[in-house]
Amino acid sequence: MRASLIQIAVEEGESVQARRVRAAALVREQAGADLVVLPELWTTGAFAYDAFAAEAEPLHGPTFETMAKAASDAGVWLHAGSVPERDTADGALYNTSLVFSPSGDLAASYRKIHRFGFDKGEAVLMGAGQDLVTVRLPRTTLGLATCYDLRFPELFRGLVDAGAETLVVSAGWPERRRSHWTLLARARAVENQTFVLACGTAGTHAQVPQAGHSIVVDPWGEVLAEAGQGEEVLTVDFDPAKTATTREQFPALKDRVLGLERPRR
């Protein structure tokens, strides 16, 4: 299975529409891949808080339309990263990821559950998602997570319980905490015995330098590929069947106790 992680740069001076067009062109260049992944909030920048409301769009908005067409043109499964979504019912904002099938149909959407910022930024500007989301592809089942979610292992264990075999993390991770990004991606892979495909952004969001270093980790925690800090397309071939064989060879998940209902004696 071939995956291409598009570590797109988000810089001031490029309009959101121009970046949509450029991202769509990069997706089309990945024809032949099975899965293409974009980062978190690449239309605005994950730290460009002032742009969230101004650039928020409905689920089936301009980014949806552009990415659906790109997925169809390239014939790929496309995790189109996330966008600031405005709910058409109540006007609330969400950090929402979109996944398209090779025919351009929406296969899933995921509203980010853990919002970063503590008492400011995304944490107060956007609502929290409620649902764990998995997507069945022909050769593997994806579990979806976004950026700050990476710090919460219980979310990933829930995705595994829901059938996830490959974990996809779309992020806008800051350079100053890049060591955490690599460490946590490998930890989530090892503890859940899954592949982790973690795609970040390059560039600078609202004066916050981005970590880049998108990474693909196998179920043993080995790094299969890692990008640099600048804009880059990271492409890697991997065998999703390795998730099952790893769990058979080292059946640690069968020894879980905490978090499971235990039979009464």
Protein backbone atom coordinates (compact mmCIF):
# COMPACT_ATOMS: atom_id res chain seq x y z
CA MET A 1 0.00 0.00 0.00
CA ARG A 2 1.38 3.41 -0.93
CA ALA A 3 0.70 6.51 1.16
CA SER A 4 1.70 10.08 0.32
CA LEU A 5 1.75 12.67 3.11
CA ILE A 6 1.63 16.21 1.72
CA GLN A 7 3.48 18.45 4.18
CA ILE A 8 2.23 21.67 2.66
CA ALA A 9 3.68 25.02 3.70
CA VAL A 10 1.32 27.63 5.11
CA GLU A 11 2.77 31.11 4.77
CA GLU A 12 1.40 34.64 4.91
CA GLY A 13 0.82 36.21 1.53
CA GLU A 14 -0.86 33.21 -0.06
CA SER A 15 -4.66 33.39 -0.08
CA VAL A 16 -6.77 30.49 1.16
CA GLN A 17 -8.17 29.99 -2.34
CA ALA A 18 -4.72 29.97 -3.90
CA ARG A 19 -3.61 27.38 -1.36
CA ARG A 20 -6.68 25.24 -2.11
CA VAL A 21 -5.76 25.23 -5.78
CA ARG A 22 -2.13 24.42 -5.01
CA ALA A 23 -3.04 21.62 -2.59
CA ALA A 24 -5.42 20.12 -5.15
CA ALA A 25 -2.63 20.11 -7.73
CA LEU A 26 -0.33 18.33 -5.27
CA VAL A 27 -3.03 15.71 -4.63
CA ARG A 28 -3.42 15.10 -8.36
CA GLU A 29 0.33 14.55 -8.63
CA GLN A 30 -0.04 11.58 -6.26
CA ALA A 31 -2.09 9.51 -8.73
CA GLY A 32 -0.95 5.94 -8.21
CA ALA A 33 -0.93 6.22 -4.42
CA ASP A 34 -3.57 4.39 -2.43
CA LEU A 35 -3.90 7.04 0.28
CA VAL A 36 -3.00 10.74 0.32
CA VAL A 37 -3.00 12.79 3.54
CA LEU A 38 -3.01 16.55 4.13
CA PRO A 39 -2.33 18.32 7.45
CA GLU A 40 -4.54 20.08 9.96
CA LEU A 41 -6.08 23.48 9.14
CA TRP A 42 -3.84 23.97 6.12
CA THR A 43 -6.27 26.47 4.61
CA THR A 44 -5.72 29.00 7.42
CA GLY A 45 -2.88 27.73 9.59
CA ALA A 46 -3.48 25.99 12.91
CA PHE A 47 -2.36 28.99 14.96
CA ALA A 48 -4.04 31.69 12.87
CA TYR A 49 -6.89 32.04 15.35
CA ASP A 50 -8.17 35.30 13.89
CA ALA A 51 -8.76 33.56 10.56
CA PHE A 52 -10.92 30.73 11.89
CA ALA A 53 -14.21 32.60 11.88
CA ALA A 54 -13.42 34.60 8.75
CA GLU A 55 -12.51 31.52 6.70
CA ALA A 56 -14.93 29.02 8.28
CA GLU A 57 -17.03 27.14 5.75
CA PRO A 58 -19.87 24.63 5.83
CA LEU A 59 -19.00 20.97 5.58
CA HIS A 60 -19.84 20.94 1.86
CA GLY A 61 -18.03 24.21 1.24
CA PRO A 62 -15.28 25.23 -1.20
CA THR A 63 -12.57 23.04 0.36
CA PHE A 64 -14.92 20.05 0.25
CA GLU A 65 -15.67 20.65 -3.42
CA THR A 66 -12.03 21.22 -4.38
CA MET A 67 -10.74 18.17 -2.52
CA ALA A 68 -13.53 15.87 -3.71
CA LYS A 69 -12.63 16.72 -7.30
CA ALA A 70 -8.91 16.23 -6.62
CA ALA A 71 -9.51 12.81 -5.06
CA SER A 72 -11.62 11.76 -8.04
CA ASP A 73 -9.11 13.09 -10.57
CA ALA A 74 -6.22 11.26 -8.89
CA GLY A 75 -8.23 8.14 -8.11
CA VAL A 76 -6.99 8.06 -4.49
CA TRP A 77 -8.38 7.81 -1.02
CA LEU A 78 -7.82 11.32 0.32
CA HIS A 79 -7.63 12.43 3.91
CA ALA A 80 -7.99 16.11 3.07
CA GLY A 81 -6.71 17.35 6.41
CA SER A 82 -9.01 19.57 8.43
CA VAL A 83 -10.83 22.84 7.87
CA PRO A 84 -12.54 25.33 10.17
CA GLU A 85 -16.13 24.14 9.74
CA ARG A 86 -19.13 26.30 10.60
CA ASP A 87 -22.14 24.22 11.56
CA THR A 88 -25.08 25.33 9.43
CA ALA A 89 -27.55 24.61 12.23
CA ASP A 90 -26.14 26.60 15.15
CA GLY A 91 -23.18 28.51 13.67
CA ALA A 92 -20.63 26.83 15.96
CA LEU A 93 -17.08 26.27 14.68
CA TYR A 94 -15.35 22.89 14.58
CA ASN A 95 -11.94 21.63 13.48
CA THR A 96 -13.21 19.06 10.99
CA SER A 97 -11.33 16.49 8.92
CA LEU A 98 -12.67 15.19 5.60
CA VAL A 99 -11.96 11.82 3.98
CA PHE A 100 -12.90 11.14 0.36
CA SER A 101 -13.07 7.91 -1.63
CA PRO A 102 -11.38 7.58 -5.04
CA SER A 103 -14.72 8.45 -6.64
CA GLY A 104 -14.77 11.78 -4.79
CA ASP A 105 -17.53 10.79 -2.38
CA LEU A 106 -17.29 11.81 1.27
CA ALA A 107 -16.35 8.65 3.19
CA ALA A 108 -16.11 10.24 6.65
CA SER A 109 -15.76 13.46 8.59
CA TYR A 110 -14.21 13.84 12.03
CA ARG A 111 -14.59 16.77 14.41
CA LYS A 112 -11.48 17.09 16.56
CA ILE A 113 -12.19 15.99 20.12
CA HIS A 114 -9.25 17.50 22.04
CA ARG A 115 -8.88 21.22 21.34
CA PHE A 116 -5.56 22.91 22.01
CA GLY A 117 -5.06 26.20 23.83
CA PHE A 118 -6.19 25.63 27.43
CA ASP A 119 -8.16 28.86 28.00
CA LYS A 120 -7.54 30.54 24.64
CA GLY A 121 -7.25 29.88 20.90
CA GLU A 122 -8.85 26.76 19.49
CA ALA A 123 -10.01 25.63 22.93
CA VAL A 124 -12.44 28.55 23.21
CA LEU A 125 -13.10 29.32 19.55
CA MET A 126 -14.14 25.83 18.42
CA GLY A 127 -16.51 23.20 19.69
CA ALA A 128 -15.38 19.70 20.64
CA GLY A 129 -16.24 16.66 18.58
CA GLN A 130 -17.90 13.74 20.31
CA ASP A 131 -17.40 10.73 18.04
CA LEU A 132 -14.52 8.38 17.28
CA VAL A 133 -14.29 7.85 13.52
CA THR A 134 -12.91 4.96 11.50
CA VAL A 135 -12.92 4.52 7.72
CA ARG A 136 -12.75 1.17 5.94
CA LEU A 137 -10.39 1.09 2.94
CA PRO A 138 -9.91 -2.00 0.76
CA ARG A 139 -6.76 -3.13 2.62
CA THR A 140 -6.98 -1.47 6.04
CA THR A 141 -9.24 0.44 8.42
CA LEU A 142 -8.15 3.98 9.27
CA GLY A 143 -8.63 5.58 12.67
CA LEU A 144 -8.76 9.39 12.53
CA ALA A 145 -7.13 11.84 14.94
CA THR A 146 -6.03 15.47 14.79
CA CYS A 147 -2.91 17.08 16.26
CA TYR A 148 -3.46 17.60 20.04
CA ASP A 149 -5.40 14.31 20.08
CA LEU A 150 -1.97 12.66 19.83
CA ARG A 151 -1.39 13.37 23.52
CA PHE A 152 -4.43 11.34 24.65
CA PRO A 153 -3.78 7.59 24.38
CA GLU A 154 -7.31 6.63 25.39
CA LEU A 155 -8.63 8.08 22.11
CA PHE A 156 -6.34 5.80 20.10
CA ARG A 157 -7.19 2.76 22.21
CA GLY A 158 -10.84 3.53 21.48
CA LEU A 159 -10.08 3.65 17.77
CA VAL A 160 -8.35 0.27 17.99
CA ASP A 161 -11.37 -1.16 19.79
CA ALA A 162 -13.47 0.19 16.92
CA GLY A 163 -11.35 -1.77 14.43
CA ALA A 164 -8.62 0.70 13.42
CA GLU A 165 -5.54 -0.93 11.92
CA THR A 166 -3.81 2.22 10.65
CA LEU A 167 -3.90 5.50 12.59
CA VAL A 168 -3.84 8.76 10.63
CA VAL A 169 -2.95 11.98 12.43
CA SER A 170 -3.40 15.31 10.67
CA ALA A 171 -1.56 18.10 12.48
CA GLY A 172 -0.24 21.64 12.67
CA TRP A 173 2.45 20.89 15.27
CA PRO A 174 4.81 23.66 16.44
CA GLU A 175 8.56 23.38 15.98
CA ARG A 176 9.26 24.11 19.65
CA ARG A 177 7.66 20.77 20.62
CA ARG A 178 8.90 18.68 17.70
CA SER A 179 10.55 16.10 19.96
CA HIS A 180 7.12 15.36 21.47
CA TRP A 181 5.64 14.90 17.98
CA THR A 182 8.08 12.13 17.06
CA LEU A 183 7.96 10.51 20.50
CA LEU A 184 4.17 10.42 20.68
CA ALA A 185 3.73 9.14 17.13
CA ARG A 186 6.03 6.22 17.90
CA ALA A 187 4.37 5.60 21.27
CA ARG A 188 0.89 5.44 19.73
CA ALA A 189 2.21 2.95 17.16
CA VAL A 190 3.87 0.69 19.74
CA GLU A 191 1.11 0.65 22.33
CA ASN A 192 -1.62 -0.02 19.76
CA GLN A 193 0.47 -2.21 17.44
CA THR A 194 -0.60 -0.20 14.40
CA PHE A 195 0.90 1.89 11.65
CA VAL A 196 0.83 5.62 12.39
CA LEU A 197 0.77 8.08 9.49
CA ALA A 198 1.27 11.56 10.95
CA CYS A 199 1.16 14.52 8.56
CA GLY A 200 2.12 18.00 9.71
CA THR A 201 2.52 21.40 8.08
CA ALA A 202 5.57 23.39 7.08
CA GLY A 203 5.93 27.17 7.20
CA THR A 204 4.90 29.61 9.91
CA HIS A 205 1.35 30.05 11.23
CA ALA A 206 0.75 33.44 12.85
CA GLN A 207 4.46 33.69 13.71
CA VAL A 208 4.54 30.12 15.07
CA PRO A 209 7.16 28.04 13.17
CA GLN A 210 5.87 24.59 12.27
CA ALA A 211 7.65 21.33 13.05
CA GLY A 212 7.17 19.63 9.69
CA HIS A 213 8.77 16.18 10.06
CA SER A 214 5.74 14.20 8.94
CA ILE A 215 6.37 10.60 9.89
CA VAL A 216 5.29 7.04 9.14
CA VAL A 217 5.81 4.49 11.93
CA ASP A 218 5.24 0.74 11.79
CA PRO A 219 3.54 -1.39 14.51
CA TRP A 220 6.91 -2.09 16.18
CA GLY A 221 7.67 1.62 16.47
CA GLU A 222 10.20 1.67 13.65
CA VAL A 223 10.26 4.87 11.59
CA LEU A 224 9.70 3.93 7.95
CA ALA A 225 10.01 7.48 6.61
CA GLU A 226 10.31 11.01 7.96
CA ALA A 227 10.15 14.36 6.21
CA GLY A 228 12.29 17.43 6.85
CA GLN A 229 10.96 20.77 8.05
CA GLY A 230 10.07 22.37 4.71
CA GLU A 231 7.30 21.67 2.22
CA GLU A 232 7.60 18.08 1.05
CA VAL A 233 5.62 15.09 -0.14
CA LEU A 234 6.59 12.05 1.91
CA THR A 235 5.73 8.82 0.09
CA VAL A 236 6.11 5.37 1.62
CA ASP A 237 5.10 1.83 0.74
CA PHE A 238 3.93 -0.34 3.63
CA ASP A 239 2.11 -3.63 4.14
CA PRO A 240 -1.03 -3.07 6.27
CA ALA A 241 -1.14 -6.81 7.01
CA LYS A 242 1.82 -6.23 9.35
CA THR A 243 -0.61 -4.89 11.96
CA ALA A 244 -2.28 -8.29 12.27
CA THR A 245 0.97 -10.27 12.19
CA THR A 246 2.52 -8.01 14.86
CA ARG A 247 -0.46 -8.56 17.12
CA GLU A 248 -0.18 -12.31 16.58
CA GLN A 249 3.57 -12.42 17.22
CA PHE A 250 3.40 -10.20 20.32
CA PRO A 251 -0.21 -10.38 21.61
CA ALA A 252 0.08 -7.63 24.23
CA LEU A 253 -3.37 -6.23 23.51
CA LYS A 254 -4.89 -9.48 24.76
CA ASP A 255 -3.46 -8.78 28.23
CA ARG A 256 -5.36 -5.55 28.70
CA VAL A 257 -7.15 -5.20 32.03
CA LEU A 258 -7.83 -1.54 32.74
CA GLY A 259 -10.51 0.05 30.58
CA LEU A 260 -12.26 -3.25 29.97
CA GLU A 261 -15.29 -4.65 31.72
CA ARG A 262 -14.12 -7.53 33.89
CA PRO A 263 -16.38 -10.54 34.48
CA ARG A 264 -17.93 -10.82 37.92
CA ARG A 265 -16.84 -13.81 39.98
